Amino acid sequence: SSGINAEWPSRPGDEFLSMFERETKESGIKLKRQMELIELSLHQIIDYLKQNYSEYELVGLEGQYKCLRPEGKNQARCTECLPCCIFNVVQYFHSRCTEALVKCTRNSLDAIRRRFIISTANQFMKSSREIQEPKPPLFCADIALAIPQTIMRPSLDDIQGCLN
């Protein structure tokens, strides 16, 4: 039993958490850079398009892209003036980026969930040519038989606490 204690860190999952934090921070930095490049490119396209308009036609394109012909009591945006068209393009790109982030997050969480719910029964049902190489586990645990009980290190509570 003392050999098992020597193999495991004082807090199970510390390595996993530190790796997760490091990867999350690095991915966040990369993502921020990519989003800034998309926004810069979008503004460059808008500036390029502005070159083809006269000063009179460019009214309302500074800052917020205010509508030149607000409609109704709510002062909703029209779909005809240039500031509204540019605003709609900017909103479209922002919404597409948000959708992409949500999709990536959902896919990542699904991949993690699938790694936890690997069913060995499915492996027995597949033919030998369909069996893929198993993925490495996220956590390693050791089970020792210490009569009259069985001891698992780290305990399931420790692993679950790390994941929560």
N, C-alpha and C. Protein backbone atom coordinates (compact mmCIF):
# COMPACT_ATOMS: atom_id res chain seq x y z
N SER A 1 0.82 -1.19 0.00
CA SER A 1 0.00 0.00 0.00
C SER A 1 0.87 1.25 0.00
N SER A 2 2.06 1.22 0.65
CA SER A 2 2.92 2.40 0.68
C SER A 2 3.51 2.69 -0.69
N GLY A 3 3.68 1.66 -1.53
CA GLY A 3 4.18 1.86 -2.89
C GLY A 3 3.20 2.63 -3.74
N ILE A 4 1.92 2.41 -3.49
CA ILE A 4 0.88 3.11 -4.25
C ILE A 4 0.89 4.60 -3.90
N ASN A 5 1.04 4.91 -2.63
CA ASN A 5 1.05 6.31 -2.22
C ASN A 5 2.23 7.07 -2.82
N ALA A 6 3.36 6.40 -2.99
CA ALA A 6 4.54 7.07 -3.52
C ALA A 6 4.37 7.41 -5.01
N GLU A 7 3.54 6.64 -5.72
CA GLU A 7 3.37 6.87 -7.16
C GLU A 7 2.44 8.02 -7.48
N TRP A 8 1.53 8.34 -6.61
CA TRP A 8 0.51 9.33 -6.92
C TRP A 8 0.81 10.66 -6.26
N PRO A 9 0.55 11.78 -6.94
CA PRO A 9 0.79 13.09 -6.35
C PRO A 9 -0.15 13.32 -5.16
N SER A 10 0.19 14.32 -4.35
CA SER A 10 -0.61 14.58 -3.17
C SER A 10 -2.05 14.93 -3.53
N ARG A 11 -2.25 15.62 -4.62
CA ARG A 11 -3.60 15.94 -5.09
C ARG A 11 -3.76 15.37 -6.48
N PRO A 12 -4.59 14.34 -6.64
CA PRO A 12 -4.76 13.76 -7.97
C PRO A 12 -5.36 14.78 -8.93
N GLY A 13 -4.90 14.75 -10.13
CA GLY A 13 -5.43 15.65 -11.13
C GLY A 13 -4.70 16.96 -11.24
N ASP A 14 -3.70 17.19 -10.38
CA ASP A 14 -2.94 18.44 -10.45
C ASP A 14 -2.29 18.62 -11.82
N GLU A 15 -1.71 17.53 -12.33
CA GLU A 15 -1.06 17.59 -13.64
C GLU A 15 -2.09 17.89 -14.73
N PHE A 16 -3.25 17.24 -14.63
CA PHE A 16 -4.32 17.47 -15.60
C PHE A 16 -4.79 18.92 -15.55
N LEU A 17 -5.01 19.45 -14.35
CA LEU A 17 -5.47 20.83 -14.21
C LEU A 17 -4.44 21.83 -14.71
N SER A 18 -3.17 21.60 -14.39
CA SER A 18 -2.15 22.55 -14.85
C SER A 18 -2.01 22.50 -16.36
N MET A 19 -2.10 21.29 -16.94
CA MET A 19 -2.04 21.16 -18.40
C MET A 19 -3.26 21.84 -19.03
N PHE A 20 -4.42 21.64 -18.43
CA PHE A 20 -5.65 22.24 -18.94
C PHE A 20 -5.56 23.78 -18.89
N GLU A 21 -5.08 24.32 -17.79
CA GLU A 21 -4.95 25.77 -17.66
C GLU A 21 -3.95 26.32 -18.66
N ARG A 22 -2.82 25.62 -18.84
CA ARG A 22 -1.80 26.07 -19.78
C ARG A 22 -2.33 26.05 -21.22
N GLU A 23 -2.98 24.96 -21.60
CA GLU A 23 -3.53 24.84 -22.95
C GLU A 23 -4.65 25.85 -23.19
N THR A 24 -5.47 26.07 -22.18
CA THR A 24 -6.56 27.04 -22.31
C THR A 24 -6.01 28.44 -22.50
N LYS A 25 -4.99 28.79 -21.74
CA LYS A 25 -4.38 30.12 -21.86
C LYS A 25 -3.74 30.31 -23.23
N GLU A 26 -2.99 29.30 -23.70
CA GLU A 26 -2.35 29.39 -25.02
C GLU A 26 -3.40 29.47 -26.13
N SER A 27 -4.44 28.67 -26.01
CA SER A 27 -5.51 28.69 -27.03
C SER A 27 -6.24 30.02 -27.02
N GLY A 28 -6.45 30.58 -25.85
CA GLY A 28 -7.10 31.89 -25.75
C GLY A 28 -6.29 32.98 -26.43
N ILE A 29 -4.98 32.93 -26.26
CA ILE A 29 -4.11 33.92 -26.90
C ILE A 29 -4.17 33.78 -28.42
N LYS A 30 -4.10 32.52 -28.90
CA LYS A 30 -4.19 32.28 -30.35
C LYS A 30 -5.54 32.73 -30.89
N LEU A 31 -6.59 32.42 -30.17
CA LEU A 31 -7.93 32.78 -30.60
C LEU A 31 -8.10 34.29 -30.65
N LYS A 32 -7.58 34.99 -29.66
CA LYS A 32 -7.67 36.45 -29.64
C LYS A 32 -6.94 37.04 -30.85
N ARG A 33 -5.76 36.49 -31.16
CA ARG A 33 -5.00 36.96 -32.32
C ARG A 33 -5.78 36.74 -33.61
N GLN A 34 -6.39 35.58 -33.76
CA GLN A 34 -7.15 35.27 -34.97
C GLN A 34 -8.38 36.17 -35.09
N MET A 35 -9.06 36.42 -33.98
CA MET A 35 -10.23 37.29 -34.01
C MET A 35 -9.84 38.72 -34.38
N GLU A 36 -8.69 39.18 -33.87
CA GLU A 36 -8.21 40.51 -34.22
C GLU A 36 -7.88 40.60 -35.71
N LEU A 37 -7.29 39.53 -36.26
CA LEU A 37 -6.98 39.52 -37.68
C LEU A 37 -8.25 39.54 -38.53
N ILE A 38 -9.27 38.82 -38.11
CA ILE A 38 -10.55 38.83 -38.83
C ILE A 38 -11.15 40.23 -38.80
N GLU A 39 -11.14 40.84 -37.63
CA GLU A 39 -11.71 42.18 -37.51
C GLU A 39 -10.92 43.20 -38.33
N LEU A 40 -9.60 43.09 -38.31
CA LEU A 40 -8.75 43.98 -39.11
C LEU A 40 -9.04 43.80 -40.59
N SER A 41 -9.15 42.56 -41.03
CA SER A 41 -9.44 42.28 -42.44
C SER A 41 -10.81 42.84 -42.84
N LEU A 42 -11.78 42.69 -41.97
CA LEU A 42 -13.12 43.21 -42.25
C LEU A 42 -13.09 44.73 -42.40
N HIS A 43 -12.37 45.40 -41.51
CA HIS A 43 -12.28 46.87 -41.61
C HIS A 43 -11.49 47.30 -42.85
N GLN A 44 -10.52 46.51 -43.25
CA GLN A 44 -9.79 46.82 -44.48
C GLN A 44 -10.70 46.69 -45.70
N ILE A 45 -11.55 45.68 -45.70
CA ILE A 45 -12.52 45.52 -46.80
C ILE A 45 -13.48 46.70 -46.83
N ILE A 46 -13.97 47.10 -45.66
CA ILE A 46 -14.91 48.23 -45.59
C ILE A 46 -14.22 49.51 -46.08
N ASP A 47 -12.98 49.73 -45.63
CA ASP A 47 -12.23 50.92 -46.09
C ASP A 47 -12.02 50.89 -47.60
N TYR A 48 -11.75 49.72 -48.15
CA TYR A 48 -11.57 49.59 -49.59
C TYR A 48 -12.88 49.94 -50.32
N LEU A 49 -14.00 49.45 -49.80
CA LEU A 49 -15.29 49.75 -50.41
C LEU A 49 -15.65 51.23 -50.31
N LYS A 50 -15.24 51.87 -49.23
CA LYS A 50 -15.53 53.30 -49.04
C LYS A 50 -14.85 54.17 -50.10
N GLN A 51 -13.76 53.68 -50.66
CA GLN A 51 -13.03 54.47 -51.65
C GLN A 51 -13.87 54.75 -52.89
N ASN A 52 -14.86 53.95 -53.14
CA ASN A 52 -15.69 54.10 -54.34
C ASN A 52 -16.89 55.03 -54.14
N TYR A 53 -17.01 55.64 -52.96
CA TYR A 53 -18.15 56.50 -52.67
C TYR A 53 -17.70 57.94 -52.49
N SER A 54 -18.61 58.85 -52.78
CA SER A 54 -18.32 60.28 -52.57
C SER A 54 -18.47 60.61 -51.09
N GLU A 55 -18.01 61.82 -50.71
CA GLU A 55 -18.12 62.23 -49.31
C GLU A 55 -19.58 62.31 -48.87
N TYR A 56 -20.44 62.72 -49.77
CA TYR A 56 -21.87 62.80 -49.46
C TYR A 56 -22.44 61.43 -49.15
N GLU A 57 -22.01 60.42 -49.90
CA GLU A 57 -22.52 59.06 -49.69
C GLU A 57 -21.94 58.40 -48.43
N LEU A 58 -20.82 58.91 -47.95
CA LEU A 58 -20.17 58.33 -46.78
C LEU A 58 -20.69 58.87 -45.46
N VAL A 59 -21.71 59.74 -45.50
CA VAL A 59 -22.30 60.29 -44.28
C VAL A 59 -22.85 59.13 -43.45
N GLY A 60 -22.56 59.14 -42.15
CA GLY A 60 -23.06 58.11 -41.25
C GLY A 60 -22.16 56.91 -41.10
N LEU A 61 -21.00 56.92 -41.76
CA LEU A 61 -20.11 55.76 -41.68
C LEU A 61 -19.01 55.92 -40.62
N GLU A 62 -19.08 56.96 -39.83
CA GLU A 62 -18.10 57.15 -38.78
C GLU A 62 -18.62 56.49 -37.50
N GLY A 63 -17.83 55.66 -36.91
CA GLY A 63 -18.17 55.07 -35.61
C GLY A 63 -19.24 54.00 -35.64
N GLN A 64 -20.46 54.38 -35.25
CA GLN A 64 -21.53 53.42 -35.00
C GLN A 64 -22.33 53.00 -36.23
N TYR A 65 -22.07 53.55 -37.38
CA TYR A 65 -22.83 53.28 -38.60
C TYR A 65 -24.31 53.58 -38.36
N LYS A 66 -24.61 54.83 -37.99
CA LYS A 66 -25.99 55.22 -37.70
C LYS A 66 -26.84 55.24 -38.96
N CYS A 67 -28.04 54.75 -38.82
CA CYS A 67 -28.98 54.67 -39.93
C CYS A 67 -29.38 56.08 -40.39
N LEU A 68 -29.44 56.26 -41.69
CA LEU A 68 -29.84 57.55 -42.25
C LEU A 68 -31.36 57.65 -42.38
N ARG A 69 -32.06 56.53 -42.40
CA ARG A 69 -33.52 56.49 -42.54
C ARG A 69 -34.13 55.50 -41.55
N PRO A 70 -34.10 55.82 -40.25
CA PRO A 70 -34.67 54.88 -39.28
C PRO A 70 -36.17 54.67 -39.53
N GLU A 71 -36.62 53.43 -39.35
CA GLU A 71 -38.00 53.08 -39.65
C GLU A 71 -38.79 52.83 -38.38
N GLY A 72 -40.02 53.27 -38.35
CA GLY A 72 -40.95 52.97 -37.26
C GLY A 72 -40.63 53.68 -35.96
N LYS A 73 -41.45 53.34 -34.96
CA LYS A 73 -41.31 53.96 -33.64
C LYS A 73 -40.03 53.52 -32.94
N ASN A 74 -39.60 52.30 -33.20
CA ASN A 74 -38.41 51.77 -32.53
C ASN A 74 -37.11 52.27 -33.14
N GLN A 75 -37.23 53.08 -34.18
CA GLN A 75 -36.06 53.59 -34.89
C GLN A 75 -35.18 52.42 -35.38
N ALA A 76 -35.84 51.38 -35.89
CA ALA A 76 -35.13 50.19 -36.40
C ALA A 76 -34.33 50.57 -37.64
N ARG A 77 -33.33 49.80 -37.89
CA ARG A 77 -32.47 50.03 -39.05
C ARG A 77 -33.21 49.67 -40.34
N CYS A 78 -32.92 50.46 -41.35
CA CYS A 78 -33.45 50.14 -42.67
C CYS A 78 -32.51 49.13 -43.33
N THR A 79 -32.81 48.74 -44.50
CA THR A 79 -31.92 47.80 -45.21
C THR A 79 -31.37 48.41 -46.49
N GLU A 80 -31.55 49.75 -46.61
CA GLU A 80 -31.20 50.39 -47.86
C GLU A 80 -30.00 51.32 -47.77
N CYS A 81 -29.84 52.04 -46.66
CA CYS A 81 -28.75 53.02 -46.61
C CYS A 81 -27.41 52.32 -46.40
N LEU A 82 -26.35 52.97 -46.82
CA LEU A 82 -25.01 52.40 -46.76
C LEU A 82 -24.57 52.08 -45.34
N PRO A 83 -24.77 52.98 -44.35
CA PRO A 83 -24.36 52.63 -42.98
C PRO A 83 -25.05 51.36 -42.47
N CYS A 84 -26.32 51.16 -42.81
CA CYS A 84 -27.03 49.95 -42.37
C CYS A 84 -26.48 48.71 -43.06
N CYS A 85 -26.15 48.82 -44.32
CA CYS A 85 -25.58 47.68 -45.05
C CYS A 85 -24.24 47.28 -44.44
N ILE A 86 -23.40 48.26 -44.15
CA ILE A 86 -22.10 47.96 -43.56
C ILE A 86 -22.28 47.41 -42.15
N PHE A 87 -23.20 47.99 -41.39
CA PHE A 87 -23.49 47.48 -40.05
C PHE A 87 -23.93 46.02 -40.12
N ASN A 88 -24.77 45.69 -41.08
CA ASN A 88 -25.25 44.31 -41.23
C ASN A 88 -24.10 43.36 -41.57
N VAL A 89 -23.17 43.81 -42.41
CA VAL A 89 -22.01 42.98 -42.74
C VAL A 89 -21.15 42.73 -41.50
N VAL A 90 -20.90 43.78 -40.72
CA VAL A 90 -20.11 43.65 -39.49
C VAL A 90 -20.82 42.71 -38.52
N GLN A 91 -22.12 42.88 -38.35
CA GLN A 91 -22.88 42.01 -37.46
C GLN A 91 -22.85 40.56 -37.94
N TYR A 92 -22.91 40.37 -39.24
CA TYR A 92 -22.87 39.03 -39.81
C TYR A 92 -21.55 38.34 -39.43
N PHE A 93 -20.42 39.05 -39.61
CA PHE A 93 -19.13 38.46 -39.28
C PHE A 93 -19.01 38.19 -37.79
N HIS A 94 -19.52 39.10 -36.97
CA HIS A 94 -19.48 38.88 -35.52
C HIS A 94 -20.30 37.66 -35.13
N SER A 95 -21.48 37.52 -35.72
CA SER A 95 -22.33 36.37 -35.37
C SER A 95 -21.71 35.07 -35.87
N ARG A 96 -21.09 35.08 -37.05
CA ARG A 96 -20.44 33.88 -37.56
C ARG A 96 -19.26 33.47 -36.67
N CYS A 97 -18.50 34.46 -36.19
CA CYS A 97 -17.39 34.14 -35.28
C CYS A 97 -17.91 33.55 -33.98
N THR A 98 -18.98 34.13 -33.45
CA THR A 98 -19.58 33.61 -32.22
C THR A 98 -20.09 32.19 -32.43
N GLU A 99 -20.76 31.94 -33.56
CA GLU A 99 -21.25 30.59 -33.86
C GLU A 99 -20.09 29.61 -33.95
N ALA A 100 -18.98 30.04 -34.56
CA ALA A 100 -17.82 29.16 -34.68
C ALA A 100 -17.24 28.83 -33.31
N LEU A 101 -17.18 29.82 -32.43
CA LEU A 101 -16.67 29.58 -31.07
C LEU A 101 -17.57 28.62 -30.31
N VAL A 102 -18.87 28.80 -30.43
CA VAL A 102 -19.82 27.92 -29.75
C VAL A 102 -19.68 26.50 -30.29
N LYS A 103 -19.56 26.36 -31.60
CA LYS A 103 -19.43 25.04 -32.21
C LYS A 103 -18.14 24.35 -31.76
N CYS A 104 -17.04 25.09 -31.74
CA CYS A 104 -15.76 24.51 -31.29
C CYS A 104 -15.84 24.09 -29.83
N THR A 105 -16.44 24.93 -29.01
CA THR A 105 -16.58 24.59 -27.59
C THR A 105 -17.44 23.35 -27.42
N ARG A 106 -18.55 23.29 -28.13
CA ARG A 106 -19.44 22.14 -28.04
C ARG A 106 -18.72 20.87 -28.51
N ASN A 107 -17.99 20.95 -29.61
CA ASN A 107 -17.26 19.79 -30.12
C ASN A 107 -16.18 19.33 -29.14
N SER A 108 -15.49 20.28 -28.52
CA SER A 108 -14.45 19.92 -27.54
C SER A 108 -15.07 19.24 -26.33
N LEU A 109 -16.16 19.78 -25.83
CA LEU A 109 -16.81 19.17 -24.68
C LEU A 109 -17.38 17.80 -25.03
N ASP A 110 -17.91 17.65 -26.23
CA ASP A 110 -18.41 16.34 -26.66
C ASP A 110 -17.27 15.32 -26.76
N ALA A 111 -16.12 15.76 -27.26
CA ALA A 111 -14.97 14.85 -27.37
C ALA A 111 -14.50 14.41 -25.99
N ILE A 112 -14.48 15.33 -25.03
CA ILE A 112 -14.09 14.97 -23.66
C ILE A 112 -15.12 14.01 -23.07
N ARG A 113 -16.40 14.30 -23.29
CA ARG A 113 -17.46 13.43 -22.77
C ARG A 113 -17.34 12.02 -23.36
N ARG A 114 -17.08 11.94 -24.66
CA ARG A 114 -16.94 10.62 -25.30
C ARG A 114 -15.75 9.85 -24.73
N ARG A 115 -14.69 10.57 -24.38
CA ARG A 115 -13.53 9.89 -23.80
C ARG A 115 -13.86 9.29 -22.44
N PHE A 116 -14.80 9.90 -21.72
CA PHE A 116 -15.19 9.38 -20.42
C PHE A 116 -16.20 8.24 -20.54
N ILE A 117 -16.93 8.20 -21.63
CA ILE A 117 -18.00 7.22 -21.78
C ILE A 117 -17.63 6.19 -22.85
N ILE A 118 -16.41 5.79 -22.90
CA ILE A 118 -16.01 4.78 -23.87
C ILE A 118 -16.63 3.46 -23.44
N SER A 119 -17.35 2.86 -24.34
CA SER A 119 -18.03 1.61 -24.03
C SER A 119 -17.23 0.45 -24.59
N THR A 120 -16.83 -0.44 -23.72
CA THR A 120 -16.08 -1.61 -24.19
C THR A 120 -17.01 -2.58 -24.90
N ALA A 121 -18.30 -2.50 -24.61
CA ALA A 121 -19.25 -3.40 -25.28
C ALA A 121 -19.26 -3.14 -26.78
N ASN A 122 -19.13 -1.89 -27.17
CA ASN A 122 -19.10 -1.57 -28.60
C ASN A 122 -17.89 -2.20 -29.28
N GLN A 123 -16.78 -2.31 -28.59
CA GLN A 123 -15.58 -2.88 -29.18
C GLN A 123 -15.77 -4.36 -29.50
N PHE A 124 -16.53 -5.06 -28.65
CA PHE A 124 -16.77 -6.48 -28.88
C PHE A 124 -17.73 -6.72 -30.04
N MET A 125 -18.63 -5.77 -30.30
CA MET A 125 -19.63 -5.93 -31.35
C MET A 125 -19.05 -5.65 -32.74
N LYS A 126 -18.00 -4.88 -32.83
CA LYS A 126 -17.44 -4.51 -34.13
C LYS A 126 -16.57 -5.64 -34.66
N SER A 127 -16.46 -5.69 -35.95
CA SER A 127 -15.56 -6.67 -36.54
C SER A 127 -14.12 -6.21 -36.33
N SER A 128 -13.18 -7.09 -36.54
CA SER A 128 -11.78 -6.78 -36.25
C SER A 128 -11.25 -5.66 -37.13
N ARG A 129 -11.75 -5.49 -38.33
CA ARG A 129 -11.24 -4.42 -39.20
C ARG A 129 -11.79 -3.05 -38.82
N GLU A 130 -12.90 -3.00 -38.08
CA GLU A 130 -13.49 -1.73 -37.69
C GLU A 130 -12.93 -1.21 -36.37
N ILE A 131 -12.26 -2.07 -35.64
CA ILE A 131 -11.75 -1.66 -34.33
C ILE A 131 -10.61 -0.66 -34.53
N GLN A 132 -10.77 0.49 -33.88
CA GLN A 132 -9.74 1.51 -33.96
C GLN A 132 -8.82 1.38 -32.76
N GLU A 133 -7.66 1.94 -32.89
CA GLU A 133 -6.72 1.91 -31.78
C GLU A 133 -7.30 2.73 -30.62
N PRO A 134 -7.32 2.18 -29.42
CA PRO A 134 -7.91 2.91 -28.30
C PRO A 134 -7.11 4.16 -27.97
N LYS A 135 -7.83 5.19 -27.54
CA LYS A 135 -7.18 6.44 -27.16
C LYS A 135 -6.63 6.31 -25.74
N PRO A 136 -5.56 7.02 -25.44
CA PRO A 136 -5.00 6.93 -24.09
C PRO A 136 -5.99 7.50 -23.07
N PRO A 137 -5.99 6.96 -21.86
CA PRO A 137 -6.93 7.44 -20.85
C PRO A 137 -6.57 8.85 -20.38
N LEU A 138 -7.57 9.56 -19.87
CA LEU A 138 -7.32 10.89 -19.32
C LEU A 138 -6.69 10.80 -17.94
N PHE A 139 -7.06 9.76 -17.17
CA PHE A 139 -6.52 9.57 -15.83
C PHE A 139 -6.08 8.12 -15.66
N CYS A 140 -5.07 7.93 -14.84
CA CYS A 140 -4.65 6.58 -14.47
C CYS A 140 -4.98 6.38 -13.00
N ALA A 141 -5.47 5.21 -12.69
CA ALA A 141 -5.77 4.87 -11.30
C ALA A 141 -5.23 3.48 -11.03
N ASP A 142 -4.93 3.22 -9.78
CA ASP A 142 -4.41 1.93 -9.39
C ASP A 142 -5.35 1.33 -8.36
N ILE A 143 -5.66 0.07 -8.52
CA ILE A 143 -6.55 -0.62 -7.58
C ILE A 143 -5.72 -1.68 -6.87
N ALA A 144 -5.76 -1.64 -5.55
CA ALA A 144 -5.01 -2.61 -4.76
C ALA A 144 -5.98 -3.36 -3.86
N LEU A 145 -5.81 -4.66 -3.79
CA LEU A 145 -6.63 -5.49 -2.94
C LEU A 145 -5.97 -5.54 -1.58
N ALA A 146 -6.61 -4.94 -0.60
CA ALA A 146 -6.12 -4.95 0.78
C ALA A 146 -7.22 -5.61 1.59
N ILE A 147 -7.08 -6.89 1.79
CA ILE A 147 -8.13 -7.69 2.42
C ILE A 147 -8.48 -7.06 3.75
N PRO A 148 -9.70 -6.81 4.05
CA PRO A 148 -10.96 -7.22 3.44
C PRO A 148 -11.54 -6.18 2.48
N GLN A 149 -10.80 -5.18 2.06
CA GLN A 149 -11.38 -4.17 1.17
C GLN A 149 -10.50 -3.93 -0.05
N THR A 150 -11.06 -3.25 -1.02
CA THR A 150 -10.32 -2.89 -2.23
C THR A 150 -10.09 -1.38 -2.18
N ILE A 151 -8.86 -0.96 -2.46
CA ILE A 151 -8.51 0.46 -2.39
C ILE A 151 -8.16 0.95 -3.78
N MET A 152 -8.73 2.10 -4.15
CA MET A 152 -8.42 2.72 -5.44
C MET A 152 -7.72 4.04 -5.18
N ARG A 153 -6.57 4.22 -5.78
CA ARG A 153 -5.82 5.46 -5.62
C ARG A 153 -5.55 6.08 -6.97
N PRO A 154 -5.86 7.28 -7.25
CA PRO A 154 -6.69 8.17 -6.44
C PRO A 154 -8.13 7.67 -6.40
N SER A 155 -8.86 8.09 -5.40
CA SER A 155 -10.24 7.62 -5.24
C SER A 155 -11.13 8.24 -6.33
N LEU A 156 -12.27 7.63 -6.55
CA LEU A 156 -13.22 8.17 -7.52
C LEU A 156 -13.67 9.57 -7.14
N ASP A 157 -13.82 9.81 -5.81
CA ASP A 157 -14.21 11.16 -5.35
C ASP A 157 -13.15 12.19 -5.71
N ASP A 158 -11.88 11.81 -5.60
CA ASP A 158 -10.79 12.74 -5.96
C ASP A 158 -10.80 13.05 -7.45
N ILE A 159 -11.01 12.01 -8.27
CA ILE A 159 -11.03 12.21 -9.73
C ILE A 159 -12.23 13.07 -10.10
N GLN A 160 -13.40 12.75 -9.53
CA GLN A 160 -14.60 13.53 -9.84
C GLN A 160 -14.47 14.96 -9.36
N GLY A 161 -13.86 15.16 -8.20
CA GLY A 161 -13.64 16.52 -7.69
C GLY A 161 -12.74 17.33 -8.61
N CYS A 162 -11.74 16.66 -9.19
CA CYS A 162 -10.83 17.33 -10.13
C CYS A 162 -11.58 17.76 -11.38
N LEU A 163 -12.49 16.92 -11.85
CA LEU A 163 -13.23 17.23 -13.07
C LEU A 163 -14.28 18.30 -12.86
N ASN A 164 -14.85 18.36 -11.67
CA ASN A 164 -15.88 19.38 -11.39
C ASN A 164 -15.22 20.70 -11.15
